[in-house]
Amino acid sequence: MLTLHVEVPYGSFRKSYARSLAETYPLPPPATVYGMLLSLVGEGFRRRHVGVRLALAFSGTYGNGSQRHSPFPRVAQTLRKLSRYKYGEAPKQSEQGNRPDYIETLCDIAFLCWVDSAQETNPEPRLEMRLREALETPEKITRYGVLSLGLSDDAVNDICLVQKPTGDWHRLKPSQEGSLELPVWVDHVGSRHTRWQRYELEREPVTPTEPPLEAYWTVIRPPA
C-alpha cells in the first residue's frame, strides 16, 4: 500500500446527466482518480489494474493553512462562449453567434489517495509498483501530455508520495445511505454499464495515522 498527496488548483467533474448547465460532482469521483493514476504511469488500457483498491480523504484546510468552512471544495460558476459550429448548428451560428455555456468548477482541490494492489487480478507489475517508479524515477516512464484530473484543462499541480500524513482530512466513506453518488467505473459509449456507489464525506476531520479501515476502500472494477 502507498499514500499519495494530490493538489489540483481547479477541476470540473461533469455530472453524467448534466445538460445546458455543466454541474460538477462535489468531489473528484473514484473513476476519475483511477484514470489519473493510469495516466501517471503511462497506461492506456483501462482494465489493466482492475481490482485495485482506492481510499480518499480531502483536505480540511486551504493551501495557506486556513481552515475550510466546508469539507467540500468551493464551487465557481464560469460563463464561456461556445461556438455552434462545433455541434452542427452552422445556420444558428451565422445568425445568432456564440451561445453562452455555463460550467461549474471546483477550486483548491487537495486530497490523499491510498492505493492497495493486493486484490488486482492481472499479472505484475501492480499499480502500486508502477506509481512508485513513476514518482521516484520518472525518466523511466513513457507517457505524454500534462497530468490532469479529468479534463485536460484541469492540470495536477503536485502529486507526491507521503510516508506519514499530517494535517486535517475528511475521509470519504462508502455508505448505502450516503448523500453522494459517484461513478466508480464509467461507460464512455453510453451510460448502461456505468457503475455507481454511494458515499458520505465525514464532517469531522482526522489526522490519518493508520492505514484506512476496510470500510473506507473502493474497489475499481467494471460491471460483471
Protein backbone atom coordinates (compact mmCIF):
# COMPACT_ATOMS: atom_id res chain seq x y z
CA MET A 1 0.00 0.00 0.00
CA LEU A 2 1.14 3.55 -0.68
CA THR A 3 -0.22 7.03 0.01
CA LEU A 4 -0.31 9.90 -2.49
CA HIS A 5 -0.87 13.59 -1.86
CA VAL A 6 -2.56 15.34 -4.81
CA GLU A 7 -3.18 19.06 -5.38
CA VAL A 8 -5.25 20.45 -8.26
CA PRO A 9 -5.97 24.21 -8.43
CA TYR A 10 -9.31 23.68 -10.16
CA GLY A 11 -11.27 20.88 -11.81
CA SER A 12 -14.68 20.18 -13.28
CA PHE A 13 -16.22 16.71 -12.95
CA ARG A 14 -19.36 16.98 -15.00
CA LYS A 15 -22.34 15.01 -13.75
CA SER A 16 -23.34 12.24 -16.12
CA TYR A 17 -26.80 13.67 -16.82
CA ALA A 18 -25.93 17.39 -16.82
CA ARG A 19 -27.02 19.26 -19.92
CA SER A 20 -27.01 23.03 -20.55
CA LEU A 21 -25.61 23.75 -17.08
CA ALA A 22 -22.48 21.65 -16.64
CA GLU A 23 -22.95 20.77 -12.99
CA THR A 24 -19.94 19.20 -11.33
CA TYR A 25 -19.81 16.41 -8.80
CA PRO A 26 -18.87 17.93 -5.42
CA LEU A 27 -15.72 15.76 -5.30
CA PRO A 28 -13.46 14.03 -7.84
CA PRO A 29 -15.10 10.62 -8.45
CA PRO A 30 -13.06 7.45 -7.83
CA ALA A 31 -13.30 6.64 -11.55
CA THR A 32 -11.60 9.95 -12.37
CA VAL A 33 -8.87 9.44 -9.77
CA TYR A 34 -8.18 5.97 -11.16
CA GLY A 35 -7.88 7.44 -14.66
CA MET A 36 -5.37 10.00 -13.40
CA LEU A 37 -3.26 7.23 -11.85
CA LEU A 38 -3.26 5.28 -15.12
CA SER A 39 -2.17 8.42 -16.97
CA LEU A 40 0.66 8.98 -14.49
CA VAL A 41 2.18 5.55 -15.21
CA GLY A 42 1.54 5.77 -18.95
CA GLU A 43 -1.11 3.03 -19.05
CA GLY A 44 -3.66 3.28 -21.87
CA PHE A 45 -5.64 0.09 -21.16
CA ARG A 46 -8.25 0.89 -18.53
CA ARG A 47 -8.73 -2.71 -17.36
CA ARG A 48 -5.01 -3.28 -16.77
CA HIS A 49 -5.25 -2.74 -12.99
CA VAL A 50 -8.79 -3.95 -12.30
CA GLY A 51 -9.19 -4.94 -8.66
CA VAL A 52 -7.03 -2.16 -7.25
CA ARG A 53 -8.49 -0.50 -4.16
CA LEU A 54 -8.54 3.24 -3.51
CA ALA A 55 -9.35 5.23 -0.38
CA LEU A 56 -9.71 9.02 -0.42
CA ALA A 57 -9.61 11.84 2.13
CA PHE A 58 -10.00 15.55 1.35
CA SER A 59 -8.13 18.41 2.95
CA GLY A 60 -9.72 20.36 5.79
CA THR A 61 -7.50 23.41 5.17
CA TYR A 62 -6.61 25.68 2.26
CA GLY A 63 -3.14 25.96 0.83
CA ASN A 64 -2.37 28.93 3.11
CA GLY A 65 -3.24 26.85 6.19
CA SER A 66 -6.59 28.49 6.99
CA GLN A 67 -9.49 26.24 7.93
CA ARG A 68 -12.08 25.40 5.28
CA HIS A 69 -15.66 26.39 6.11
CA SER A 70 -16.91 23.20 4.45
CA PRO A 71 -15.32 19.79 3.86
CA PHE A 72 -16.19 20.19 0.18
CA PRO A 73 -14.11 22.28 -2.25
CA ARG A 74 -15.53 25.65 -3.22
CA VAL A 75 -17.61 25.78 -6.41
CA ALA A 76 -17.21 28.54 -9.00
CA GLN A 77 -19.54 29.04 -11.96
CA THR A 78 -17.95 30.15 -15.21
CA LEU A 79 -19.65 31.65 -18.25
CA ARG A 80 -17.96 30.73 -21.52
CA LYS A 81 -18.67 31.33 -25.20
CA LEU A 82 -19.48 28.20 -27.19
CA SER A 83 -19.42 28.10 -30.97
CA ARG A 84 -22.47 26.45 -32.51
CA TYR A 85 -20.36 25.19 -35.43
CA LYS A 86 -18.92 22.51 -33.18
CA TYR A 87 -22.38 20.98 -32.66
CA GLY A 88 -23.57 21.19 -36.25
CA GLU A 89 -25.61 24.39 -35.86
CA ALA A 90 -23.95 26.45 -38.59
CA PRO A 91 -27.09 28.46 -39.56
CA LYS A 92 -27.68 29.49 -35.93
CA GLN A 93 -24.02 30.42 -35.55
CA SER A 94 -24.14 32.82 -38.50
CA GLU A 95 -27.43 34.38 -37.30
CA GLN A 96 -27.06 34.37 -33.52
CA GLY A 97 -23.32 33.98 -32.90
CA ASN A 98 -21.84 32.07 -29.97
CA ARG A 99 -24.16 30.77 -27.28
CA PRO A 100 -23.49 31.01 -23.53
CA ASP A 101 -22.10 27.94 -21.82
CA TYR A 102 -22.23 27.63 -18.04
CA ILE A 103 -19.83 25.31 -16.25
CA GLU A 104 -19.22 24.62 -12.56
CA THR A 105 -15.65 24.24 -11.34
CA LEU A 106 -14.24 23.02 -8.02
CA CYS A 107 -11.45 25.18 -6.58
CA ASP A 108 -8.47 24.34 -4.36
CA ILE A 109 -8.75 20.55 -4.58
CA ALA A 110 -6.36 18.68 -2.29
CA PHE A 111 -6.69 15.05 -1.25
CA LEU A 112 -4.91 11.93 -0.06
CA CYS A 113 -5.22 8.76 -2.10
CA TRP A 114 -4.31 5.39 -0.65
CA VAL A 115 -3.61 2.69 -3.24
CA ASP A 116 -3.73 -1.05 -2.46
CA SER A 117 -2.91 -3.51 -5.25
CA ALA A 118 -3.26 -6.72 -3.23
CA GLN A 119 -6.50 -7.70 -5.00
CA GLU A 120 -5.53 -6.87 -8.58
CA THR A 121 -6.49 -9.64 -10.98
CA ASN A 122 -3.88 -9.13 -13.73
CA PRO A 123 -0.21 -10.16 -13.62
CA GLU A 124 2.50 -7.90 -12.26
CA PRO A 125 3.66 -5.19 -12.30
CA ARG A 126 0.98 -3.91 -9.95
CA LEU A 127 -0.25 -0.33 -9.99
CA GLU A 128 1.45 0.35 -6.65
CA MET A 129 4.83 -0.60 -8.07
CA ARG A 130 4.32 1.44 -11.22
CA LEU A 131 3.21 4.54 -9.29
CA ARG A 132 6.26 4.38 -7.06
CA GLU A 133 8.53 4.03 -10.09
CA ALA A 134 6.80 6.93 -11.89
CA LEU A 135 7.31 9.27 -8.93
CA GLU A 136 10.80 8.17 -7.89
CA THR A 137 12.32 7.62 -11.36
CA PRO A 138 10.08 9.48 -13.84
CA GLU A 139 12.71 9.23 -16.58
CA LYS A 140 11.85 5.52 -16.90
CA ILE A 141 8.18 6.19 -17.72
CA THR A 142 6.86 6.57 -21.25
CA ARG A 143 3.84 8.85 -21.29
CA TYR A 144 2.66 12.02 -22.98
CA GLY A 145 0.81 15.21 -22.12
CA VAL A 146 0.30 17.09 -18.88
CA LEU A 147 -1.04 15.04 -15.97
CA SER A 148 -4.63 16.10 -15.34
CA LEU A 149 -7.50 15.11 -13.09
CA GLY A 150 -10.28 14.51 -15.59
CA LEU A 151 -10.38 17.17 -18.32
CA SER A 152 -7.09 18.10 -19.96
CA ASP A 153 -7.59 21.68 -18.70
CA ASP A 154 -7.55 20.51 -15.08
CA ALA A 155 -3.81 20.02 -14.66
CA VAL A 156 -2.41 18.46 -11.50
CA ASN A 157 -0.24 20.98 -9.66
CA ASP A 158 1.50 18.47 -7.37
CA ILE A 159 1.48 14.73 -6.71
CA CYS A 160 3.90 13.03 -4.35
CA LEU A 161 4.36 10.03 -2.10
CA VAL A 162 3.56 10.53 1.58
CA GLN A 163 5.02 8.39 4.33
CA LYS A 164 3.06 9.85 7.25
CA PRO A 165 0.13 12.21 6.51
CA THR A 166 -0.21 15.33 8.63
CA GLY A 167 -2.98 17.89 8.96
CA ASP A 168 -6.78 17.58 8.94
CA TRP A 169 -8.53 15.36 6.38
CA HIS A 170 -12.17 14.50 5.74
CA ARG A 171 -12.47 10.82 4.84
CA LEU A 172 -14.75 9.65 2.04
CA LYS A 173 -16.62 6.57 3.23
CA PRO A 174 -18.70 4.21 1.05
CA SER A 175 -22.20 4.05 2.51
CA GLN A 176 -25.51 2.78 1.14
CA GLU A 177 -27.22 5.67 2.94
CA GLY A 178 -24.68 8.25 1.77
CA SER A 179 -25.77 11.57 0.28
CA LEU A 180 -23.24 11.41 -2.59
CA GLU A 181 -23.46 9.16 -5.64
CA LEU A 182 -20.19 8.97 -7.57
CA PRO A 183 -19.12 6.87 -10.57
CA VAL A 184 -16.59 4.12 -9.90
CA TRP A 185 -16.44 2.87 -13.50
CA VAL A 186 -17.68 4.97 -16.43
CA ASP A 187 -19.18 3.63 -19.65
CA HIS A 188 -17.86 6.13 -22.21
CA VAL A 189 -20.05 4.77 -25.03
CA GLY A 190 -23.34 5.16 -23.17
CA SER A 191 -24.37 5.03 -19.54
CA ARG A 192 -25.70 1.48 -19.35
CA HIS A 193 -22.54 -0.05 -17.89
CA THR A 194 -21.52 2.82 -15.63
CA ARG A 195 -21.01 1.63 -12.03
CA TRP A 196 -22.11 3.94 -9.22
CA GLN A 197 -21.51 3.90 -5.50
CA ARG A 198 -22.92 5.99 -2.67
CA TYR A 199 -20.61 7.80 -0.26
CA GLU A 200 -20.59 10.09 2.73
CA LEU A 201 -17.88 12.69 3.31
CA GLU A 202 -17.24 12.75 7.04
CA ARG A 203 -17.82 16.19 8.56
CA GLU A 204 -15.22 15.82 11.30
CA PRO A 205 -11.61 15.92 10.05
CA VAL A 206 -8.99 13.50 11.33
CA THR A 207 -5.23 13.10 11.05
CA PRO A 208 -4.73 9.65 9.48
CA THR A 209 -2.06 7.86 11.49
CA GLU A 210 -3.02 4.35 10.37
CA PRO A 211 -3.98 2.80 7.01
CA PRO A 212 -7.69 3.15 6.16
CA LEU A 213 -10.06 0.65 7.70
CA GLU A 214 -11.77 -1.89 5.44
CA ALA A 215 -14.96 0.20 5.31
CA TYR A 216 -13.20 3.10 3.55
CA TRP A 217 -11.90 1.26 0.49
CA THR A 218 -13.40 1.35 -3.01
CA VAL A 219 -12.64 -1.50 -5.42
CA ILE A 220 -12.14 -0.39 -9.03
CA ARG A 221 -13.75 -2.92 -11.33
CA PRO A 222 -16.03 -2.92 -14.39
CA PRO A 223 -19.60 -4.26 -14.21
CA ALA A 224 -19.93 -8.03 -14.20
